[in-house]
PDB file of N, CA and C in Angstrom:
ATOM      1  N   UNK A   1       0.430  -1.033   0.351  1.00  0.00           N
ATOM      2  CA  UNK A   1      -0.198  -0.441  -0.225  1.00  0.00           C
ATOM      3  C   UNK A   1       0.101   1.517   0.159  1.00  0.00           C
ATOM      4  N   UNK A   2       2.176   1.141   1.003  1.00  0.00           N
ATOM      5  CA  UNK A   2       2.571   3.098   0.993  1.00  0.00           C
ATOM      6  C   UNK A   2       3.517   2.388  -0.536  1.00  0.00           C
ATOM      7  N   UNK A   3       3.887   1.769  -0.899  1.00  0.00           N
ATOM      8  CA  UNK A   3       4.359   1.619  -2.598  1.00  0.00           C
ATOM      9  C   UNK A   3       3.585   2.111  -3.372  1.00  0.00           C
ATOM     10  N   UNK A   4       1.908   2.203  -3.292  1.00  0.00           N
ATOM     11  CA  UNK A   4       1.976   2.500  -3.952  1.00  0.00           C
ATOM     12  C   UNK A   4       1.831   4.157  -4.301  1.00  0.00           C
ATOM     13  N   UNK A   5       1.560   4.848  -3.091  1.00  0.00           N
ATOM     14  CA  UNK A   5       1.184   6.063  -2.011  1.00  0.00           C
ATOM     15  C   UNK A   5       2.531   7.170  -2.756  1.00  0.00           C
ATOM     16  N   UNK A   6       3.495   6.275  -2.307  1.00  0.00           N
ATOM     17  CA  UNK A   6       4.653   6.602  -2.546  1.00  0.00           C
ATOM     18  C   UNK A   6       4.981   6.381  -3.475  1.00  0.00           C
ATOM     19  N   UNK A   7       4.316   5.746  -5.624  1.00  0.00           N
ATOM     20  CA  UNK A   7       4.727   6.108  -6.451  1.00  0.00           C
ATOM     21  C   UNK A   7       3.568   7.367  -6.890  1.00  0.00           C
ATOM     22  N   UNK A   8       2.019   7.114  -6.245  1.00  0.00           N
ATOM     23  CA  UNK A   8       1.199   8.833  -6.783  1.00  0.00           C
ATOM     24  C   UNK A   8       2.087   9.138  -6.607  1.00  0.00           C
ATOM     25  N   UNK A   9       3.033   9.444  -5.388  1.00  0.00           N
ATOM     26  CA  UNK A   9       3.405  11.240  -5.168  1.00  0.00           C
ATOM     27  C   UNK A   9       4.450  11.660  -6.068  1.00  0.00           C
ATOM     28  N   UNK A  10       5.026  10.616  -6.071  1.00  0.00           N
ATOM     29  CA  UNK A  10       6.232  10.960  -7.336  1.00  0.00           C
ATOM     30  C   UNK A  10       5.849  11.497  -8.729  1.00  0.00           C
ATOM     31  N   UNK A  11       4.630  10.214  -9.230  1.00  0.00           N
ATOM     32  CA  UNK A  11       3.948  10.996 -10.068  1.00  0.00           C
ATOM     33  C   UNK A  11       3.813  12.690 -10.298  1.00  0.00           C
ATOM     34  N   UNK A  12       2.211  13.035  -9.158  1.00  0.00           N
ATOM     35  CA  UNK A  12       2.114  14.046  -8.980  1.00  0.00           C
ATOM     36  C   UNK A  12       2.840  15.696  -8.826  1.00  0.00           C
ATOM     37  N   UNK A  13       4.131  15.047  -7.940  1.00  0.00           N
ATOM     38  CA  UNK A  13       5.789  16.063  -8.258  1.00  0.00           C
ATOM     39  C   UNK A  13       5.706  16.239  -9.904  1.00  0.00           C
ATOM     40  N   UNK A  14       5.859  14.943 -10.811  1.00  0.00           N
ATOM     41  CA  UNK A  14       6.612  14.883 -11.884  1.00  0.00           C
ATOM     42  C   UNK A  14       6.191  15.894 -12.768  1.00  0.00           C
ATOM     43  N   UNK A  15       4.403  15.674 -12.852  1.00  0.00           N
ATOM     44  CA  UNK A  15       3.401  16.409 -13.172  1.00  0.00           C
ATOM     45  C   UNK A  15       4.032  17.686 -12.532  1.00  0.00           C
ATOM     46  N   UNK A  16       4.035  18.044 -11.389  1.00  0.00           N
ATOM     47  CA  UNK A  16       4.302  19.636 -11.174  1.00  0.00           C
ATOM     48  C   UNK A  16       5.533  20.044 -11.429  1.00  0.00           C
ATOM     49  N   UNK A  17       6.194  19.568 -12.102  1.00  0.00           N
ATOM     50  CA  UNK A  17       7.959  19.858 -11.745  1.00  0.00           C
ATOM     51  C   UNK A  17       7.936  19.741 -13.398  1.00  0.00           C
ATOM     52  N   UNK A  18       6.833  19.707 -14.114  1.00  0.00           N
ATOM     53  CA  UNK A  18       6.567  18.678 -15.979  1.00  0.00           C
ATOM     54  C   UNK A  18       5.921  20.677 -16.100  1.00  0.00           C
ATOM     55  N   UNK A  19       5.074  20.781 -14.850  1.00  0.00           N
ATOM     56  CA  UNK A  19       4.084  22.103 -16.252  1.00  0.00           C
ATOM     57  C   UNK A  19       4.698  23.303 -14.936  1.00  0.00           C
ATOM     58  N   UNK A  20       5.834  23.197 -13.785  1.00  0.00           N
ATOM     59  CA  UNK A  20       6.247  24.965 -13.479  1.00  0.00           C
ATOM     60  C   UNK A  20       7.379  25.215 -15.398  1.00  0.00           C
ATOM     61  N   UNK A  21       8.043  23.872 -14.816  1.00  0.00           N
ATOM     62  CA  UNK A  21       9.500  24.035 -16.567  1.00  0.00           C
ATOM     63  C   UNK A  21       8.756  23.721 -17.519  1.00  0.00           C
ATOM     64  N   UNK A  22       6.938  23.592 -17.955  1.00  0.00           N
ATOM     65  CA  UNK A  22       6.695  24.384 -19.237  1.00  0.00           C
ATOM     66  C   UNK A  22       6.647  26.067 -19.385  1.00  0.00           C
ATOM     67  N   UNK A  23       5.116  26.055 -17.917  1.00  0.00           N
ATOM     68  CA  UNK A  23       5.645  27.786 -17.193  1.00  0.00           C
ATOM     69  C   UNK A  23       6.194  28.527 -18.221  1.00  0.00           C
ATOM     70  N   UNK A  24       7.786  28.133 -17.230  1.00  0.00           N
ATOM     71  CA  UNK A  24       8.701  28.772 -17.112  1.00  0.00           C
ATOM     72  C   UNK A  24       9.334  28.989 -19.247  1.00  0.00           C
ATOM     73  N   UNK A  25       9.113  27.976 -19.965  1.00  0.00           N
ATOM     74  CA  UNK A  25       9.368  28.240 -20.949  1.00  0.00           C
ATOM     75  C   UNK A  25       8.649  29.434 -21.960  1.00  0.00           C
ATOM     76  N   UNK A  26       7.134  29.800 -21.636  1.00  0.00           N
ATOM     77  CA  UNK A  26       6.444  30.131 -22.084  1.00  0.00           C
ATOM     78  C   UNK A  26       6.725  31.614 -21.888  1.00  0.00           C
ATOM     79  N   UNK A  27       7.710  31.857 -20.421  1.00  0.00           N
ATOM     80  CA  UNK A  27       7.292  32.646 -19.735  1.00  0.00           C
ATOM     81  C   UNK A  27       8.512  34.202 -20.371  1.00  0.00           C
ATOM     82  N   UNK A  28       8.546  35.782 -20.156  1.00  0.00           N
ATOM     83  CA  UNK A  28       9.682  36.660 -21.172  1.00  0.00           C
ATOM     84  C   UNK A  28      11.001  35.914 -20.614  1.00  0.00           C
ATOM     85  N   UNK A  29      12.020  36.613 -21.584  1.00  0.00           N
ATOM     86  CA  UNK A  29      13.006  35.976 -21.328  1.00  0.00           C
ATOM     87  C   UNK A  29      13.811  37.030 -21.293  1.00  0.00           C
ATOM     88  N   UNK A  30      15.020  37.271 -20.019  1.00  0.00           N
ATOM     89  CA  UNK A  30      15.184  38.421 -19.963  1.00  0.00           C
ATOM     90  C   UNK A  30      16.550  37.333 -19.302  1.00  0.00           C
ATOM     91  N   UNK A  31      17.853  38.619 -19.274  1.00  0.00           N
ATOM     92  CA  UNK A  31      19.587  38.618 -18.709  1.00  0.00           C
ATOM     93  C   UNK A  31      19.523  38.159 -17.344  1.00  0.00           C
ATOM     94  N   UNK A  32      20.045  36.791 -17.281  1.00  0.00           N
ATOM     95  CA  UNK A  32      20.259  36.881 -16.189  1.00  0.00           C
ATOM     96  C   UNK A  32      21.757  38.230 -15.761  1.00  0.00           C
ATOM     97  N   UNK A  33      21.137  38.304 -14.300  1.00  0.00           N
ATOM     98  CA  UNK A  33      22.401  39.557 -13.892  1.00  0.00           C
ATOM     99  C   UNK A  33      23.007  38.620 -12.030  1.00  0.00           C
ATOM    100  N   UNK A  34      24.445  39.053 -12.177  1.00  0.00           N
ATOM    101  CA  UNK A  34      25.401  38.701 -11.273  1.00  0.00           C
ATOM    102  C   UNK A  34      24.403  38.536  -9.904  1.00  0.00           C
ATOM    103  N   UNK A  35      23.231  38.601  -9.441  1.00  0.00           N
ATOM    104  CA  UNK A  35      22.357  39.102  -8.226  1.00  0.00           C
ATOM    105  C   UNK A  35      21.716  37.430  -8.534  1.00  0.00           C
ATOM    106  N   UNK A  36      21.225  37.382  -9.435  1.00  0.00           N
ATOM    107  CA  UNK A  36      20.491  36.084 -10.269  1.00  0.00           C
ATOM    108  C   UNK A  36      21.336  35.306  -9.844  1.00  0.00           C
ATOM    109  N   UNK A  37      23.160  35.283 -10.529  1.00  0.00           N
ATOM    110  CA  UNK A  37      23.803  33.929 -10.744  1.00  0.00           C
ATOM    111  C   UNK A  37      24.682  33.549  -9.153  1.00  0.00           C
ATOM    112  N   UNK A  38      24.387  34.701  -8.040  1.00  0.00           N
ATOM    113  CA  UNK A  38      24.816  34.850  -6.574  1.00  0.00           C
ATOM    114  C   UNK A  38      23.522  33.440  -6.375  1.00  0.00           C
ATOM    115  N   UNK A  39      22.400  33.740  -6.598  1.00  0.00           N
ATOM    116  CA  UNK A  39      21.330  33.100  -5.885  1.00  0.00           C
ATOM    117  C   UNK A  39      21.050  31.762  -5.789  1.00  0.00           C
ATOM    118  N   UNK A  40      21.311  31.810  -7.410  1.00  0.00           N
ATOM    119  CA  UNK A  40      21.571  30.078  -7.767  1.00  0.00           C
ATOM    120  C   UNK A  40      22.769  29.398  -7.086  1.00  0.00           C
ATOM    121  N   UNK A  41      23.957  29.853  -6.745  1.00  0.00           N
ATOM    122  CA  UNK A  41      25.032  29.538  -6.702  1.00  0.00           C
ATOM    123  C   UNK A  41      25.261  29.260  -5.229  1.00  0.00           C
ATOM    124  N   UNK A  42      24.433  29.650  -4.202  1.00  0.00           N
ATOM    125  CA  UNK A  42      23.628  29.882  -2.806  1.00  0.00           C
ATOM    126  C   UNK A  42      22.980  28.627  -3.011  1.00  0.00           C
ATOM    127  N   UNK A  43      21.809  28.637  -4.015  1.00  0.00           N
ATOM    128  CA  UNK A  43      20.674  27.777  -3.312  1.00  0.00           C
ATOM    129  C   UNK A  43      21.798  26.426  -3.734  1.00  0.00           C
ATOM    130  N   UNK A  44      22.599  26.088  -4.634  1.00  0.00           N
ATOM    131  CA  UNK A  44      23.145  24.040  -5.031  1.00  0.00           C
ATOM    132  C   UNK A  44      23.589  23.963  -4.447  1.00  0.00           C
ATOM    133  N   UNK A  45      24.439  25.263  -3.611  1.00  0.00           N
ATOM    134  CA  UNK A  45      25.344  24.822  -3.207  1.00  0.00           C
ATOM    135  C   UNK A  45      25.119  24.068  -1.024  1.00  0.00           C
ATOM    136  N   UNK A  46      23.370  24.676  -0.641  1.00  0.00           N
ATOM    137  CA  UNK A  46      22.816  24.336   0.397  1.00  0.00           C
ATOM    138  C   UNK A  46      21.867  23.032  -0.236  1.00  0.00           C
ATOM    139  N   UNK A  47      21.619  23.010  -1.595  1.00  0.00           N
ATOM    140  CA  UNK A  47      20.586  21.477  -2.150  1.00  0.00           C
ATOM    141  C   UNK A  47      22.427  20.469  -1.552  1.00  0.00           C
ATOM    142  N   UNK A  48      23.354  20.949  -2.407  1.00  0.00           N
ATOM    143  CA  UNK A  48      25.153  19.838  -2.157  1.00  0.00           C
ATOM    144  C   UNK A  48      24.899  19.597  -0.712  1.00  0.00           C
ATOM    145  N   UNK A  49      25.152  20.375   0.395  1.00  0.00           N
ATOM    146  CA  UNK A  49      25.596  20.636   1.997  1.00  0.00           C
ATOM    147  C   UNK A  49      23.719  18.979   2.002  1.00  0.00           C
ATOM    148  N   UNK A  50      22.823  19.725   2.218  1.00  0.00           N
ATOM    149  CA  UNK A  50      22.245  18.819   2.307  1.00  0.00           C
ATOM    150  C   UNK A  50      21.794  17.493   1.944  1.00  0.00           C
ATOM    151  N   UNK A  51      22.464  17.412   0.737  1.00  0.00           N
ATOM    152  CA  UNK A  51      22.358  16.114   0.030  1.00  0.00           C
ATOM    153  C   UNK A  51      23.689  15.450   1.230  1.00  0.00           C
ATOM    154  N   UNK A  52      24.377  15.525   1.136  1.00  0.00           N
ATOM    155  CA  UNK A  52      25.820  14.890   2.074  1.00  0.00           C
ATOM    156  C   UNK A  52      25.541  15.236   3.659  1.00  0.00           C
ATOM    157  N   UNK A  53      24.547  15.187   4.039  1.00  0.00           N
ATOM    158  CA  UNK A  53      23.926  15.323   5.783  1.00  0.00           C
ATOM    159  C   UNK A  53      23.385  13.916   5.875  1.00  0.00           C
ATOM    160  N   UNK A  54      22.110  13.647   4.559  1.00  0.00           N
ATOM    161  CA  UNK A  54      21.320  12.770   4.789  1.00  0.00           C
ATOM    162  C   UNK A  54      22.310  10.846   3.990  1.00  0.00           C
ATOM    163  N   UNK A  55      23.489  11.256   3.400  1.00  0.00           N
ATOM    164  CA  UNK A  55      24.056  10.087   3.198  1.00  0.00           C
ATOM    165  C   UNK A  55      24.673   9.001   4.133  1.00  0.00           C
ATOM    166  N   UNK A  56      24.874   8.283   4.272  1.00  0.00           N
ATOM    167  CA  UNK A  56      25.010   7.510   6.262  1.00  0.00           C
ATOM    168  C   UNK A  56      26.043   7.229   5.240  1.00  0.00           C
TER     169      UNK A  56
END
């Protein structure tokens, strides 16, 4: 039963991601600023740190 719930949650998350990606592709193009890149780097580093902490 849990496996079915997890599969359904994964499917819904993938659908949501696809919808957000399509929305982004339809949006107006803008150049990335230095602040944009800094934010991207900070978010990526936070993601890597979190992934490293969750390793056994």
